[in-house]
């Protein structure tokens, strides 16, 4: 059964399980990441997600493969499960959950040990920044994304 949030269809993959993720990036909570309530600001958690997303796409060599190829975010959905505090060593997991014709979905999880503190589902569009039009996910890009595709 797929999870729903605000009547939106979300991935049926469980974002809170470490086994879900195929790519990992280390992070740490900096003192500057905190709010007055002494936990990490939600916008900073978004920076952790972005770091993992960029690292994964760079690892796949598809972030900016040519001047006519780019990937842009069309949508993100964040869920926060626990407060992140200082100091902490984190790991951010990333994976691909779906590939369409011109877009693909990714999932990210912020972990301390085996505990998931926050997750994000993101829809990315493969596009041409010169013409501002969507591009089809071609064979080489699909093959690269498949490396981190969850079952």
N, C-alpha and C. Protein backbone atom coordinates (compact mmCIF):
# COMPACT_ATOMS: atom_id res chain seq x y z
N UNK A 1 0.84 -1.19 0.00
CA UNK A 1 0.00 0.00 0.00
C UNK A 1 0.88 1.24 0.00
N UNK A 2 0.63 2.13 -0.90
CA UNK A 2 1.41 3.36 -1.00
C UNK A 2 1.03 4.32 0.13
N UNK A 3 2.03 5.05 0.61
CA UNK A 3 1.78 6.07 1.63
C UNK A 3 1.14 7.27 0.96
N UNK A 4 0.29 7.97 1.69
CA UNK A 4 -0.27 9.22 1.18
C UNK A 4 -0.04 10.32 2.19
N UNK A 5 0.06 11.51 1.70
CA UNK A 5 0.28 12.69 2.53
C UNK A 5 -0.48 13.83 1.87
N UNK A 6 -1.44 14.38 2.59
CA UNK A 6 -2.24 15.47 2.04
C UNK A 6 -2.83 15.09 0.68
N UNK A 7 -3.31 13.86 0.57
CA UNK A 7 -3.91 13.33 -0.65
C UNK A 7 -2.94 13.24 -1.83
N UNK A 8 -1.65 13.17 -1.54
CA UNK A 8 -0.65 13.01 -2.58
C UNK A 8 -0.17 11.56 -2.57
N UNK A 9 0.03 10.99 -3.73
CA UNK A 9 0.55 9.63 -3.82
C UNK A 9 2.06 9.67 -3.64
N UNK A 10 2.55 8.98 -2.63
CA UNK A 10 3.98 8.94 -2.37
C UNK A 10 4.52 7.54 -2.64
N UNK A 11 5.82 7.43 -2.67
CA UNK A 11 6.48 6.15 -2.94
C UNK A 11 6.07 5.10 -1.91
N UNK A 12 5.87 3.86 -2.35
CA UNK A 12 5.55 2.79 -1.41
C UNK A 12 6.78 2.31 -0.64
N UNK A 13 7.97 2.82 -0.97
CA UNK A 13 9.21 2.44 -0.31
C UNK A 13 9.26 3.12 1.06
N UNK A 14 9.70 2.39 2.07
CA UNK A 14 9.77 2.93 3.43
C UNK A 14 11.00 3.83 3.57
N UNK A 15 10.81 5.15 3.77
CA UNK A 15 11.95 6.07 3.85
C UNK A 15 12.72 5.97 5.16
N UNK A 16 12.17 5.31 6.17
CA UNK A 16 12.80 5.28 7.49
C UNK A 16 13.74 4.08 7.67
N UNK A 17 13.91 3.26 6.66
CA UNK A 17 14.78 2.09 6.76
C UNK A 17 16.10 2.33 6.04
N UNK A 18 17.20 2.08 6.72
CA UNK A 18 18.53 2.26 6.12
C UNK A 18 18.70 1.44 4.85
N UNK A 19 18.11 0.23 4.83
CA UNK A 19 18.26 -0.68 3.68
C UNK A 19 17.69 -0.09 2.39
N UNK A 20 16.82 0.89 2.51
CA UNK A 20 16.20 1.52 1.34
C UNK A 20 17.25 2.22 0.48
N UNK A 21 18.28 2.77 1.09
CA UNK A 21 19.18 3.68 0.40
C UNK A 21 20.41 2.98 -0.18
N UNK A 22 20.83 3.45 -1.34
CA UNK A 22 21.93 2.83 -2.08
C UNK A 22 23.17 3.72 -2.17
N UNK A 23 23.06 4.96 -1.71
CA UNK A 23 24.16 5.91 -1.78
C UNK A 23 24.17 6.70 -0.47
N UNK A 24 25.35 6.94 0.08
CA UNK A 24 25.45 7.62 1.38
C UNK A 24 26.45 8.77 1.36
N UNK A 25 26.10 9.82 2.10
CA UNK A 25 26.94 11.00 2.25
C UNK A 25 27.04 11.32 3.74
N UNK A 26 28.26 11.49 4.27
CA UNK A 26 28.37 11.89 5.68
C UNK A 26 28.07 13.38 5.84
N UNK A 27 27.48 13.73 6.95
CA UNK A 27 27.20 15.13 7.31
C UNK A 27 27.42 15.26 8.81
N UNK A 28 27.46 16.47 9.28
CA UNK A 28 27.51 16.70 10.72
C UNK A 28 26.68 17.92 11.05
N UNK A 29 26.11 17.91 12.23
CA UNK A 29 25.36 19.08 12.68
C UNK A 29 26.37 20.12 13.16
N UNK A 30 26.27 21.30 12.59
CA UNK A 30 27.09 22.43 13.01
C UNK A 30 26.29 23.28 13.99
N UNK A 31 26.98 23.96 14.88
CA UNK A 31 26.30 24.83 15.84
C UNK A 31 25.43 25.85 15.10
N UNK A 32 25.92 26.33 13.97
CA UNK A 32 25.19 27.33 13.17
C UNK A 32 23.90 26.78 12.57
N UNK A 33 23.72 25.45 12.57
CA UNK A 33 22.52 24.82 12.01
C UNK A 33 21.31 24.91 12.95
N UNK A 34 21.54 25.35 14.18
CA UNK A 34 20.50 25.30 15.21
C UNK A 34 19.58 26.52 15.20
N UNK A 35 18.35 26.27 15.65
CA UNK A 35 17.39 27.33 15.92
C UNK A 35 17.47 27.70 17.39
N UNK A 36 16.71 28.68 17.78
CA UNK A 36 16.61 29.09 19.18
C UNK A 36 16.15 27.93 20.08
N UNK A 37 15.37 27.00 19.53
CA UNK A 37 14.89 25.86 20.31
C UNK A 37 15.96 24.78 20.47
N UNK A 38 17.17 25.03 19.95
CA UNK A 38 18.33 24.15 20.06
C UNK A 38 18.21 22.86 19.25
N UNK A 39 17.40 22.88 18.22
CA UNK A 39 17.41 21.77 17.27
C UNK A 39 17.68 22.33 15.87
N UNK A 40 18.02 21.42 14.95
CA UNK A 40 18.39 21.85 13.60
C UNK A 40 17.17 22.44 12.89
N UNK A 41 17.38 23.59 12.27
CA UNK A 41 16.34 24.26 11.49
C UNK A 41 15.94 23.38 10.31
N UNK A 42 14.65 23.33 10.01
CA UNK A 42 14.16 22.50 8.90
C UNK A 42 14.79 22.88 7.56
N UNK A 43 15.09 24.15 7.37
CA UNK A 43 15.74 24.56 6.12
C UNK A 43 17.14 23.96 6.00
N UNK A 44 17.81 23.80 7.12
CA UNK A 44 19.15 23.20 7.11
C UNK A 44 19.03 21.72 6.78
N UNK A 45 17.99 21.06 7.25
CA UNK A 45 17.78 19.66 6.88
C UNK A 45 17.65 19.57 5.35
N UNK A 46 17.01 20.57 4.74
CA UNK A 46 16.92 20.63 3.29
C UNK A 46 18.30 20.74 2.64
N UNK A 47 19.22 21.42 3.29
CA UNK A 47 20.60 21.50 2.79
C UNK A 47 21.26 20.13 2.85
N UNK A 48 21.00 19.37 3.91
CA UNK A 48 21.53 18.00 3.99
C UNK A 48 21.00 17.17 2.81
N UNK A 49 19.70 17.29 2.52
CA UNK A 49 19.12 16.56 1.39
C UNK A 49 19.78 16.98 0.08
N UNK A 50 19.97 18.29 -0.09
CA UNK A 50 20.58 18.81 -1.31
C UNK A 50 22.00 18.27 -1.47
N UNK A 51 22.76 18.25 -0.39
CA UNK A 51 24.13 17.73 -0.46
C UNK A 51 24.15 16.29 -0.95
N UNK A 52 23.25 15.48 -0.44
CA UNK A 52 23.19 14.07 -0.88
C UNK A 52 22.75 13.98 -2.34
N UNK A 53 21.77 14.79 -2.72
CA UNK A 53 21.26 14.76 -4.10
C UNK A 53 22.36 15.13 -5.10
N UNK A 54 23.07 16.23 -4.81
CA UNK A 54 24.13 16.68 -5.70
C UNK A 54 25.26 15.65 -5.74
N UNK A 55 25.63 15.10 -4.59
CA UNK A 55 26.70 14.10 -4.55
C UNK A 55 26.32 12.86 -5.36
N UNK A 56 25.08 12.40 -5.24
CA UNK A 56 24.64 11.22 -5.99
C UNK A 56 24.66 11.49 -7.49
N UNK A 57 24.11 12.64 -7.90
CA UNK A 57 24.06 12.96 -9.33
C UNK A 57 25.46 13.18 -9.90
N UNK A 58 26.36 13.76 -9.11
CA UNK A 58 27.75 13.90 -9.55
C UNK A 58 28.41 12.54 -9.68
N UNK A 59 28.16 11.66 -8.70
CA UNK A 59 28.72 10.32 -8.75
C UNK A 59 28.27 9.58 -10.01
N UNK A 60 27.03 9.81 -10.41
CA UNK A 60 26.48 9.19 -11.62
C UNK A 60 26.92 9.91 -12.89
N UNK A 61 27.58 11.06 -12.74
CA UNK A 61 28.04 11.88 -13.86
C UNK A 61 26.89 12.34 -14.75
N UNK A 62 25.78 12.73 -14.10
CA UNK A 62 24.64 13.25 -14.87
C UNK A 62 24.16 14.60 -14.36
N UNK A 63 24.90 15.21 -13.44
CA UNK A 63 24.46 16.51 -12.92
C UNK A 63 24.44 17.55 -14.04
N UNK A 64 25.55 17.72 -14.72
CA UNK A 64 25.64 18.61 -15.87
C UNK A 64 26.46 17.88 -16.91
N UNK A 65 25.87 16.89 -17.54
CA UNK A 65 26.66 16.06 -18.46
C UNK A 65 27.10 16.83 -19.71
N UNK A 66 26.27 17.73 -20.22
CA UNK A 66 26.64 18.62 -21.32
C UNK A 66 25.87 19.91 -21.13
N UNK A 67 26.20 20.97 -21.88
CA UNK A 67 25.44 22.22 -21.73
C UNK A 67 23.96 22.07 -22.07
N UNK A 68 23.59 21.05 -22.83
CA UNK A 68 22.19 20.87 -23.22
C UNK A 68 21.44 19.90 -22.30
N UNK A 69 22.11 19.38 -21.27
CA UNK A 69 21.49 18.41 -20.38
C UNK A 69 21.59 18.91 -18.94
N UNK A 70 20.49 18.93 -18.25
CA UNK A 70 20.48 19.33 -16.84
C UNK A 70 19.36 18.61 -16.12
N UNK A 71 19.41 18.67 -14.83
CA UNK A 71 18.37 18.08 -13.99
C UNK A 71 17.88 19.18 -13.06
N UNK A 72 16.56 19.37 -13.02
CA UNK A 72 15.97 20.37 -12.13
C UNK A 72 14.93 19.71 -11.24
N UNK A 73 14.78 20.23 -10.04
CA UNK A 73 13.75 19.72 -9.14
C UNK A 73 12.41 20.33 -9.49
N UNK A 74 11.39 19.49 -9.55
CA UNK A 74 10.03 19.96 -9.80
C UNK A 74 9.21 19.95 -8.52
N UNK A 75 9.59 19.09 -7.56
CA UNK A 75 8.78 18.98 -6.35
C UNK A 75 9.57 18.26 -5.27
N UNK A 76 9.37 18.67 -4.02
CA UNK A 76 9.91 17.95 -2.88
C UNK A 76 8.85 17.85 -1.80
N UNK A 77 8.90 16.75 -1.07
CA UNK A 77 8.02 16.54 0.08
C UNK A 77 8.92 16.08 1.22
N UNK A 78 8.92 16.83 2.32
CA UNK A 78 9.75 16.51 3.47
C UNK A 78 8.91 16.02 4.62
N UNK A 79 9.45 15.04 5.34
CA UNK A 79 8.84 14.56 6.58
C UNK A 79 9.91 14.61 7.67
N UNK A 80 9.51 15.09 8.84
CA UNK A 80 10.42 15.22 9.97
C UNK A 80 9.91 14.31 11.08
N UNK A 81 10.78 13.42 11.58
CA UNK A 81 10.35 12.41 12.55
C UNK A 81 10.85 12.71 13.97
N UNK A 82 12.08 13.23 14.08
CA UNK A 82 12.69 13.50 15.38
C UNK A 82 13.50 14.78 15.29
N UNK A 83 13.75 15.39 16.44
CA UNK A 83 14.59 16.58 16.47
C UNK A 83 16.05 16.19 16.31
N UNK A 84 16.74 16.90 15.45
CA UNK A 84 18.19 16.76 15.32
C UNK A 84 18.83 17.79 16.22
N UNK A 85 19.85 17.39 16.97
CA UNK A 85 20.49 18.30 17.91
C UNK A 85 22.00 18.35 17.67
N UNK A 86 22.63 19.30 18.33
CA UNK A 86 24.07 19.47 18.26
C UNK A 86 24.68 18.91 19.52
N UNK A 87 25.82 18.26 19.44
CA UNK A 87 26.54 17.81 18.24
C UNK A 87 25.97 16.49 17.75
N UNK A 88 26.14 16.20 16.49
CA UNK A 88 25.71 14.92 15.93
C UNK A 88 26.44 14.66 14.62
N UNK A 89 26.77 13.40 14.41
CA UNK A 89 27.30 12.93 13.13
C UNK A 89 26.15 12.26 12.40
N UNK A 90 25.93 12.64 11.16
CA UNK A 90 24.80 12.15 10.37
C UNK A 90 25.29 11.41 9.14
N UNK A 91 24.38 10.63 8.58
CA UNK A 91 24.56 10.09 7.24
C UNK A 91 23.26 10.37 6.49
N UNK A 92 23.39 10.78 5.25
CA UNK A 92 22.21 11.03 4.42
C UNK A 92 22.23 9.99 3.31
N UNK A 93 21.17 9.17 3.29
CA UNK A 93 21.04 8.15 2.27
C UNK A 93 20.25 8.67 1.09
N UNK A 94 20.54 8.13 -0.09
CA UNK A 94 19.84 8.55 -1.31
C UNK A 94 19.56 7.32 -2.17
N UNK A 95 18.47 7.40 -2.93
CA UNK A 95 18.15 6.35 -3.90
C UNK A 95 17.20 6.91 -4.94
N UNK A 96 17.03 6.16 -6.01
CA UNK A 96 16.06 6.48 -7.06
C UNK A 96 14.89 5.53 -6.87
N UNK A 97 13.68 6.06 -6.85
CA UNK A 97 12.50 5.21 -6.61
C UNK A 97 11.63 4.99 -7.84
N UNK A 98 11.82 5.83 -8.88
CA UNK A 98 11.01 5.68 -10.10
C UNK A 98 11.71 6.38 -11.25
N UNK A 99 11.57 5.80 -12.45
CA UNK A 99 12.04 6.47 -13.66
C UNK A 99 10.87 6.54 -14.63
N UNK A 100 10.59 7.74 -15.11
CA UNK A 100 9.54 7.94 -16.10
C UNK A 100 10.16 8.25 -17.45
N UNK A 101 9.40 8.93 -18.31
CA UNK A 101 9.90 9.28 -19.64
C UNK A 101 10.84 10.48 -19.60
N UNK A 102 10.47 11.51 -18.81
CA UNK A 102 11.29 12.72 -18.75
C UNK A 102 11.66 13.09 -17.31
N UNK A 103 11.20 12.32 -16.34
CA UNK A 103 11.46 12.63 -14.94
C UNK A 103 11.79 11.36 -14.17
N UNK A 104 12.30 11.57 -12.96
CA UNK A 104 12.56 10.44 -12.07
C UNK A 104 12.38 10.92 -10.64
N UNK A 105 12.10 9.97 -9.76
CA UNK A 105 11.88 10.27 -8.35
C UNK A 105 13.07 9.78 -7.54
N UNK A 106 13.40 10.55 -6.52
CA UNK A 106 14.47 10.19 -5.60
C UNK A 106 13.94 10.25 -4.18
N UNK A 107 14.62 9.54 -3.28
CA UNK A 107 14.27 9.57 -1.87
C UNK A 107 15.56 9.76 -1.07
N UNK A 108 15.45 10.50 0.03
CA UNK A 108 16.60 10.79 0.89
C UNK A 108 16.19 10.58 2.34
N UNK A 109 17.13 10.14 3.15
CA UNK A 109 16.88 9.97 4.58
C UNK A 109 18.06 10.44 5.38
N UNK A 110 17.80 11.20 6.45
CA UNK A 110 18.84 11.67 7.36
C UNK A 110 18.86 10.72 8.56
N UNK A 111 20.01 10.10 8.78
CA UNK A 111 20.14 9.08 9.81
C UNK A 111 21.23 9.42 10.82
N UNK A 112 20.96 9.07 12.07
CA UNK A 112 21.97 8.98 13.12
C UNK A 112 21.93 7.52 13.52
N UNK A 113 22.98 6.79 13.17
CA UNK A 113 22.96 5.34 13.38
C UNK A 113 21.86 4.73 12.52
N UNK A 114 20.99 3.95 13.14
CA UNK A 114 19.87 3.33 12.41
C UNK A 114 18.58 4.12 12.51
N UNK A 115 18.62 5.26 13.19
CA UNK A 115 17.41 6.07 13.40
C UNK A 115 17.28 7.13 12.31
N UNK A 116 16.12 7.14 11.65
CA UNK A 116 15.83 8.13 10.63
C UNK A 116 15.19 9.35 11.28
N UNK A 117 15.76 10.52 11.06
CA UNK A 117 15.28 11.76 11.64
C UNK A 117 14.41 12.57 10.69
N UNK A 118 14.65 12.41 9.39
CA UNK A 118 13.87 13.14 8.39
C UNK A 118 14.04 12.43 7.05
N UNK A 119 13.05 12.61 6.18
CA UNK A 119 13.15 12.05 4.83
C UNK A 119 12.58 13.05 3.82
N UNK A 120 12.97 12.85 2.59
CA UNK A 120 12.49 13.70 1.50
C UNK A 120 12.23 12.84 0.28
N UNK A 121 11.13 13.12 -0.40
CA UNK A 121 10.87 12.55 -1.71
C UNK A 121 10.92 13.70 -2.70
N UNK A 122 11.62 13.49 -3.81
CA UNK A 122 11.83 14.55 -4.78
C UNK A 122 11.56 14.05 -6.18
N UNK A 123 10.96 14.91 -6.99
CA UNK A 123 10.75 14.63 -8.41
C UNK A 123 11.70 15.53 -9.18
N UNK A 124 12.52 14.92 -10.02
CA UNK A 124 13.48 15.66 -10.83
C UNK A 124 13.12 15.50 -12.30
N UNK A 125 13.32 16.56 -13.06
CA UNK A 125 13.02 16.57 -14.49
C UNK A 125 14.34 16.70 -15.25
N UNK A 126 14.48 15.87 -16.26
CA UNK A 126 15.63 15.93 -17.15
C UNK A 126 15.26 16.92 -18.24
N UNK A 127 16.08 17.95 -18.44
CA UNK A 127 15.66 19.00 -19.35
C UNK A 127 16.84 19.65 -20.06
N UNK A 128 16.50 20.46 -21.05
CA UNK A 128 17.46 21.20 -21.85
C UNK A 128 17.44 22.65 -21.37
N UNK A 129 18.51 23.12 -20.70
CA UNK A 129 18.51 24.49 -20.18
C UNK A 129 18.61 25.56 -21.27
N UNK A 130 18.97 25.17 -22.48
CA UNK A 130 19.04 26.14 -23.59
C UNK A 130 17.64 26.41 -24.13
N UNK A 131 16.86 25.33 -24.37
CA UNK A 131 15.52 25.48 -24.93
C UNK A 131 14.43 25.53 -23.86
N UNK A 132 14.79 25.20 -22.62
CA UNK A 132 13.83 25.14 -21.50
C UNK A 132 12.73 24.12 -21.76
N UNK A 133 13.08 23.02 -22.38
CA UNK A 133 12.13 21.94 -22.65
C UNK A 133 12.60 20.66 -21.96
N UNK A 134 11.62 19.82 -21.60
CA UNK A 134 11.93 18.52 -21.04
C UNK A 134 12.65 17.68 -22.08
N UNK A 135 13.48 16.78 -21.59
CA UNK A 135 14.18 15.83 -22.46
C UNK A 135 13.78 14.42 -22.03
N UNK A 136 13.80 13.51 -22.96
CA UNK A 136 13.57 12.11 -22.62
C UNK A 136 14.79 11.57 -21.88
N UNK A 137 14.53 10.74 -20.88
CA UNK A 137 15.64 10.07 -20.20
C UNK A 137 16.22 9.06 -21.18
N UNK A 138 17.36 9.38 -21.77
CA UNK A 138 17.94 8.49 -22.77
C UNK A 138 18.59 7.28 -22.11
N UNK A 139 18.97 6.33 -22.94
CA UNK A 139 19.53 5.06 -22.46
C UNK A 139 20.67 5.21 -21.48
N UNK A 140 21.71 6.00 -21.81
CA UNK A 140 22.83 6.13 -20.87
C UNK A 140 22.42 6.72 -19.51
N UNK A 141 21.53 7.70 -19.51
CA UNK A 141 21.07 8.29 -18.25
C UNK A 141 20.25 7.28 -17.47
N UNK A 142 19.38 6.55 -18.14
CA UNK A 142 18.57 5.52 -17.47
C UNK A 142 19.46 4.45 -16.84
N UNK A 143 20.49 4.05 -17.57
CA UNK A 143 21.42 3.04 -17.05
C UNK A 143 22.12 3.55 -15.79
N UNK A 144 22.54 4.80 -15.79
CA UNK A 144 23.20 5.37 -14.63
C UNK A 144 22.26 5.46 -13.43
N UNK A 145 21.04 5.95 -13.67
CA UNK A 145 20.07 6.06 -12.57
C UNK A 145 19.70 4.69 -12.01
N UNK A 146 19.66 3.68 -12.86
CA UNK A 146 19.29 2.33 -12.44
C UNK A 146 20.25 1.78 -11.38
N UNK A 147 21.45 2.32 -11.36
CA UNK A 147 22.44 1.88 -10.36
C UNK A 147 21.93 2.09 -8.94
N UNK A 148 21.12 3.14 -8.72
CA UNK A 148 20.61 3.44 -7.38
C UNK A 148 19.10 3.25 -7.27
N UNK A 149 18.52 2.54 -8.23
CA UNK A 149 17.07 2.28 -8.22
C UNK A 149 16.74 1.21 -7.18
N UNK A 150 15.74 1.49 -6.33
CA UNK A 150 15.30 0.50 -5.34
C UNK A 150 14.21 -0.38 -5.98
N UNK A 151 14.14 -1.59 -5.49
CA UNK A 151 13.14 -2.54 -6.02
C UNK A 151 11.76 -2.23 -5.52
